[in-house]
Amino acid sequence: MVTAFPGKLLAKHTMALVQLIRQTNHKEELFRCLSLKLVEAPPPAHDKLVFLNEVWSTITRL
């Protein structure tokens, strides 16, 4: 579903999407898809580090 939206739209709602992804069983795949979209349009500067920390936390638990 994440891939259906443009990166620019997702970038505006990065942290809301992180909250939703946290509640799923497919975190790795969803973070991967979201990250690929955020390459097109990065999130706001104040969300970048928080997003990176959340993704890194998920990856290190694999």
PDB file of N, CA and C in Angstrom:
ATOM      1  N   MET A   1       0.814  -1.194   0.000  1.00  0.00           N
ATOM      2  CA  MET A   1       0.000   0.000   0.000  1.00  0.00           C
ATOM      3  C   MET A   1       0.861   1.263   0.000  1.00  0.00           C
ATOM      4  N   VAL A   2       1.979   1.205   0.691  1.00  0.00           N
ATOM      5  CA  VAL A   2       2.864   2.365   0.756  1.00  0.00           C
ATOM      6  C   VAL A   2       3.341   2.759  -0.636  1.00  0.00           C
ATOM      7  N   THR A   3       3.566   1.786  -1.483  1.00  0.00           N
ATOM      8  CA  THR A   3       4.087   2.063  -2.821  1.00  0.00           C
ATOM      9  C   THR A   3       3.069   2.754  -3.723  1.00  0.00           C
ATOM     10  N   ALA A   4       1.813   2.776  -3.331  1.00  0.00           N
ATOM     11  CA  ALA A   4       0.774   3.389  -4.152  1.00  0.00           C
ATOM     12  C   ALA A   4       0.773   4.912  -4.069  1.00  0.00           C
ATOM     13  N   PHE A   5       1.437   5.473  -3.077  1.00  0.00           N
ATOM     14  CA  PHE A   5       1.413   6.917  -2.859  1.00  0.00           C
ATOM     15  C   PHE A   5       2.740   7.545  -3.268  1.00  0.00           C
ATOM     16  N   PRO A   6       2.693   8.800  -3.700  1.00  0.00           N
ATOM     17  CA  PRO A   6       3.944   9.474  -4.065  1.00  0.00           C
ATOM     18  C   PRO A   6       4.796   9.779  -2.829  1.00  0.00           C
ATOM     19  N   GLY A   7       6.101   9.764  -3.014  1.00  0.00           N
ATOM     20  CA  GLY A   7       7.023  10.024  -1.916  1.00  0.00           C
ATOM     21  C   GLY A   7       6.783  11.355  -1.236  1.00  0.00           C
ATOM     22  N   LYS A   8       6.428  12.362  -2.005  1.00  0.00           N
ATOM     23  CA  LYS A   8       6.195  13.700  -1.449  1.00  0.00           C
ATOM     24  C   LYS A   8       5.059  13.687  -0.427  1.00  0.00           C
ATOM     25  N   LEU A   9       4.015  12.941  -0.697  1.00  0.00           N
ATOM     26  CA  LEU A   9       2.894  12.832   0.240  1.00  0.00           C
ATOM     27  C   LEU A   9       3.308  12.055   1.486  1.00  0.00           C
ATOM     28  N   LEU A  10       4.014  10.959   1.293  1.00  0.00           N
ATOM     29  CA  LEU A  10       4.448  10.140   2.424  1.00  0.00           C
ATOM     30  C   LEU A  10       5.428  10.896   3.312  1.00  0.00           C
ATOM     31  N   ALA A  11       6.274  11.717   2.709  1.00  0.00           N
ATOM     32  CA  ALA A  11       7.269  12.472   3.474  1.00  0.00           C
ATOM     33  C   ALA A  11       6.605  13.401   4.487  1.00  0.00           C
ATOM     34  N   LYS A  12       5.468  13.950   4.130  1.00  0.00           N
ATOM     35  CA  LYS A  12       4.753  14.861   5.038  1.00  0.00           C
ATOM     36  C   LYS A  12       4.198  14.133   6.258  1.00  0.00           C
ATOM     37  N   HIS A  13       4.000  12.831   6.142  1.00  0.00           N
ATOM     38  CA  HIS A  13       3.352  12.051   7.199  1.00  0.00           C
ATOM     39  C   HIS A  13       4.244  10.917   7.702  1.00  0.00           C
ATOM     40  N   THR A  14       5.542  11.116   7.632  1.00  0.00           N
ATOM     41  CA  THR A  14       6.492  10.056   7.984  1.00  0.00           C
ATOM     42  C   THR A  14       6.249   9.495   9.372  1.00  0.00           C
ATOM     43  N   MET A  15       6.155  10.339  10.371  1.00  0.00           N
ATOM     44  CA  MET A  15       6.047   9.843  11.741  1.00  0.00           C
ATOM     45  C   MET A  15       4.686   9.197  12.012  1.00  0.00           C
ATOM     46  N   ALA A  16       3.639   9.662  11.378  1.00  0.00           N
ATOM     47  CA  ALA A  16       2.336   9.004  11.518  1.00  0.00           C
ATOM     48  C   ALA A  16       2.407   7.601  10.911  1.00  0.00           C
ATOM     49  N   LEU A  17       3.101   7.478   9.795  1.00  0.00           N
ATOM     50  CA  LEU A  17       3.272   6.165   9.171  1.00  0.00           C
ATOM     51  C   LEU A  17       4.122   5.250  10.039  1.00  0.00           C
ATOM     52  N   VAL A  18       5.139   5.800  10.677  1.00  0.00           N
ATOM     53  CA  VAL A  18       5.966   5.006  11.590  1.00  0.00           C
ATOM     54  C   VAL A  18       5.100   4.439  12.708  1.00  0.00           C
ATOM     55  N   GLN A  19       4.207   5.248  13.252  1.00  0.00           N
ATOM     56  CA  GLN A  19       3.320   4.778  14.319  1.00  0.00           C
ATOM     57  C   GLN A  19       2.449   3.620  13.832  1.00  0.00           C
ATOM     58  N   LEU A  20       1.951   3.712  12.618  1.00  0.00           N
ATOM     59  CA  LEU A  20       1.129   2.628  12.062  1.00  0.00           C
ATOM     60  C   LEU A  20       1.967   1.380  11.792  1.00  0.00           C
ATOM     61  N   ILE A  21       3.149   1.573  11.249  1.00  0.00           N
ATOM     62  CA  ILE A  21       4.021   0.433  10.941  1.00  0.00           C
ATOM     63  C   ILE A  21       4.409  -0.310  12.209  1.00  0.00           C
ATOM     64  N   ARG A  22       4.607   0.410  13.294  1.00  0.00           N
ATOM     65  CA  ARG A  22       4.965  -0.227  14.574  1.00  0.00           C
ATOM     66  C   ARG A  22       3.936  -1.268  14.999  1.00  0.00           C
ATOM     67  N   GLN A  23       2.696  -1.108  14.574  1.00  0.00           N
ATOM     68  CA  GLN A  23       1.603  -1.975  15.002  1.00  0.00           C
ATOM     69  C   GLN A  23       1.428  -3.204  14.104  1.00  0.00           C
ATOM     70  N   THR A  24       2.259  -3.343  13.090  1.00  0.00           N
ATOM     71  CA  THR A  24       2.085  -4.447  12.145  1.00  0.00           C
ATOM     72  C   THR A  24       3.071  -5.586  12.402  1.00  0.00           C
ATOM     73  N   ASN A  25       2.845  -6.679  11.707  1.00  0.00           N
ATOM     74  CA  ASN A  25       3.754  -7.824  11.766  1.00  0.00           C
ATOM     75  C   ASN A  25       4.765  -7.811  10.626  1.00  0.00           C
ATOM     76  N   HIS A  26       4.640  -6.864   9.712  1.00  0.00           N
ATOM     77  CA  HIS A  26       5.501  -6.802   8.527  1.00  0.00           C
ATOM     78  C   HIS A  26       6.332  -5.520   8.527  1.00  0.00           C
ATOM     79  N   LYS A  27       6.872  -5.178   9.662  1.00  0.00           N
ATOM     80  CA  LYS A  27       7.615  -3.926   9.814  1.00  0.00           C
ATOM     81  C   LYS A  27       8.754  -3.787   8.810  1.00  0.00           C
ATOM     82  N   GLU A  28       9.531  -4.848   8.648  1.00  0.00           N
ATOM     83  CA  GLU A  28      10.716  -4.773   7.791  1.00  0.00           C
ATOM     84  C   GLU A  28      10.340  -4.385   6.364  1.00  0.00           C
ATOM     85  N   GLU A  29       9.352  -5.060   5.818  1.00  0.00           N
ATOM     86  CA  GLU A  29       8.942  -4.793   4.439  1.00  0.00           C
ATOM     87  C   GLU A  29       8.335  -3.402   4.304  1.00  0.00           C
ATOM     88  N   LEU A  30       7.529  -2.996   5.264  1.00  0.00           N
ATOM     89  CA  LEU A  30       6.908  -1.673   5.193  1.00  0.00           C
ATOM     90  C   LEU A  30       7.936  -0.557   5.347  1.00  0.00           C
ATOM     91  N   PHE A  31       8.888  -0.722   6.250  1.00  0.00           N
ATOM     92  CA  PHE A  31       9.950   0.278   6.386  1.00  0.00           C
ATOM     93  C   PHE A  31      10.795   0.339   5.114  1.00  0.00           C
ATOM     94  N   ARG A  32      11.017  -0.802   4.493  1.00  0.00           N
ATOM     95  CA  ARG A  32      11.770  -0.837   3.242  1.00  0.00           C
ATOM     96  C   ARG A  32      11.044  -0.047   2.159  1.00  0.00           C
ATOM     97  N   CYS A  33       9.762  -0.308   1.998  1.00  0.00           N
ATOM     98  CA  CYS A  33       8.968   0.395   0.984  1.00  0.00           C
ATOM     99  C   CYS A  33       8.904   1.893   1.268  1.00  0.00           C
ATOM    100  N   LEU A  34       8.688   2.241   2.521  1.00  0.00           N
ATOM    101  CA  LEU A  34       8.625   3.653   2.892  1.00  0.00           C
ATOM    102  C   LEU A  34       9.972   4.326   2.645  1.00  0.00           C
ATOM    103  N   SER A  35      11.044   3.660   2.984  1.00  0.00           N
ATOM    104  CA  SER A  35      12.382   4.229   2.781  1.00  0.00           C
ATOM    105  C   SER A  35      12.657   4.490   1.302  1.00  0.00           C
ATOM    106  N   LEU A  36      12.254   3.564   0.457  1.00  0.00           N
ATOM    107  CA  LEU A  36      12.446   3.762  -0.980  1.00  0.00           C
ATOM    108  C   LEU A  36      11.662   4.968  -1.482  1.00  0.00           C
ATOM    109  N   LYS A  37      10.489   5.185  -0.941  1.00  0.00           N
ATOM    110  CA  LYS A  37       9.689   6.348  -1.320  1.00  0.00           C
ATOM    111  C   LYS A  37      10.296   7.644  -0.789  1.00  0.00           C
ATOM    112  N   LEU A  38      10.906   7.570   0.395  1.00  0.00           N
ATOM    113  CA  LEU A  38      11.492   8.771   0.990  1.00  0.00           C
ATOM    114  C   LEU A  38      12.780   9.186   0.286  1.00  0.00           C
ATOM    115  N   VAL A  39      13.330   8.309  -0.535  1.00  0.00           N
ATOM    116  CA  VAL A  39      14.467   8.702  -1.370  1.00  0.00           C
ATOM    117  C   VAL A  39      13.996   9.732  -2.392  1.00  0.00           C
ATOM    118  N   GLU A  40      12.768   9.573  -2.876  1.00  0.00           N
ATOM    119  CA  GLU A  40      12.187  10.510  -3.847  1.00  0.00           C
ATOM    120  C   GLU A  40      11.955  11.880  -3.224  1.00  0.00           C
ATOM    121  N   ALA A  41      11.490  11.883  -1.990  1.00  0.00           N
ATOM    122  CA  ALA A  41      11.172  13.130  -1.288  1.00  0.00           C
ATOM    123  C   ALA A  41      11.443  12.908   0.194  1.00  0.00           C
ATOM    124  N   PRO A  42      12.520  13.473   0.724  1.00  0.00           N
ATOM    125  CA  PRO A  42      12.869  13.235   2.131  1.00  0.00           C
ATOM    126  C   PRO A  42      11.853  13.838   3.093  1.00  0.00           C
ATOM    127  N   PRO A  43      11.757  13.253   4.279  1.00  0.00           N
ATOM    128  CA  PRO A  43      10.861  13.802   5.296  1.00  0.00           C
ATOM    129  C   PRO A  43      11.416  15.120   5.829  1.00  0.00           C
ATOM    130  N   PRO A  44      10.615  15.852   6.599  1.00  0.00           N
ATOM    131  CA  PRO A  44      11.114  17.090   7.206  1.00  0.00           C
ATOM    132  C   PRO A  44      12.362  16.808   8.047  1.00  0.00           C
ATOM    133  N   ALA A  45      13.224  17.790   8.141  1.00  0.00           N
ATOM    134  CA  ALA A  45      14.506  17.627   8.845  1.00  0.00           C
ATOM    135  C   ALA A  45      14.327  17.115  10.267  1.00  0.00           C
ATOM    136  N   HIS A  46      13.303  17.592  10.968  1.00  0.00           N
ATOM    137  CA  HIS A  46      13.110  17.185  12.364  1.00  0.00           C
ATOM    138  C   HIS A  46      12.628  15.737  12.500  1.00  0.00           C
ATOM    139  N   ASP A  47      12.183  15.121  11.419  1.00  0.00           N
ATOM    140  CA  ASP A  47      11.731  13.723  11.456  1.00  0.00           C
ATOM    141  C   ASP A  47      12.800  12.730  11.003  1.00  0.00           C
ATOM    142  N   LYS A  48      13.833  13.204  10.356  1.00  0.00           N
ATOM    143  CA  LYS A  48      14.818  12.293   9.756  1.00  0.00           C
ATOM    144  C   LYS A  48      15.506  11.398  10.780  1.00  0.00           C
ATOM    145  N   LEU A  49      16.023  11.973  11.837  1.00  0.00           N
ATOM    146  CA  LEU A  49      16.753  11.179  12.824  1.00  0.00           C
ATOM    147  C   LEU A  49      15.823  10.234  13.576  1.00  0.00           C
ATOM    148  N   VAL A  50      14.631  10.693  13.901  1.00  0.00           N
ATOM    149  CA  VAL A  50      13.664   9.846  14.599  1.00  0.00           C
ATOM    150  C   VAL A  50      13.299   8.653  13.715  1.00  0.00           C
ATOM    151  N   PHE A  51      13.066   8.913  12.442  1.00  0.00           N
ATOM    152  CA  PHE A  51      12.745   7.840  11.500  1.00  0.00           C
ATOM    153  C   PHE A  51      13.909   6.853  11.397  1.00  0.00           C
ATOM    154  N   LEU A  52      15.103   7.370  11.225  1.00  0.00           N
ATOM    155  CA  LEU A  52      16.281   6.511  11.118  1.00  0.00           C
ATOM    156  C   LEU A  52      16.456   5.648  12.362  1.00  0.00           C
ATOM    157  N   ASN A  53      16.287   6.225  13.530  1.00  0.00           N
ATOM    158  CA  ASN A  53      16.417   5.462  14.777  1.00  0.00           C
ATOM    159  C   ASN A  53      15.371   4.361  14.874  1.00  0.00           C
ATOM    160  N   GLU A  54      14.165   4.649  14.465  1.00  0.00           N
ATOM    161  CA  GLU A  54      13.092   3.648  14.516  1.00  0.00           C
ATOM    162  C   GLU A  54      13.377   2.491  13.558  1.00  0.00           C
ATOM    163  N   VAL A  55      13.790   2.821  12.360  1.00  0.00           N
ATOM    164  CA  VAL A  55      14.108   1.781  11.379  1.00  0.00           C
ATOM    165  C   VAL A  55      15.304   0.959  11.855  1.00  0.00           C
ATOM    166  N   TRP A  56      16.326   1.624  12.349  1.00  0.00           N
ATOM    167  CA  TRP A  56      17.515   0.915  12.826  1.00  0.00           C
ATOM    168  C   TRP A  56      17.162  -0.011  13.986  1.00  0.00           C
ATOM    169  N   SER A  57      16.315   0.446  14.872  1.00  0.00           N
ATOM    170  CA  SER A  57      15.881  -0.376  16.003  1.00  0.00           C
ATOM    171  C   SER A  57      15.182  -1.647  15.510  1.00  0.00           C
ATOM    172  N   THR A  58      14.365  -1.512  14.497  1.00  0.00           N
ATOM    173  CA  THR A  58      13.667  -2.666  13.926  1.00  0.00           C
ATOM    174  C   THR A  58      14.654  -3.624  13.261  1.00  0.00           C
ATOM    175  N   ILE A  59      15.588  -3.086  12.516  1.00  0.00           N
ATOM    176  CA  ILE A  59      16.565  -3.914  11.803  1.00  0.00           C
ATOM    177  C   ILE A  59      17.445  -4.695  12.772  1.00  0.00           C
ATOM    178  N   THR A  60      17.869  -4.064  13.836  1.00  0.00           N
ATOM    179  CA  THR A  60      18.780  -4.735  14.767  1.00  0.00           C
ATOM    180  C   THR A  60      18.101  -5.866  15.528  1.00  0.00           C
ATOM    181  N   ARG A  61      16.781  -5.890  15.555  1.00  0.00           N
ATOM    182  CA  ARG A  61      16.054  -6.975  16.221  1.00  0.00           C
ATOM    183  C   ARG A  61      15.849  -8.180  15.320  1.00  0.00           C
ATOM    184  N   LEU A  62      16.248  -8.093  14.086  1.00  0.00           N
ATOM    185  CA  LEU A  62      16.067  -9.219  13.147  1.00  0.00           C
ATOM    186  C   LEU A  62      17.044 -10.330  13.437  1.00  0.00           C
TER     187      LEU A  62
END
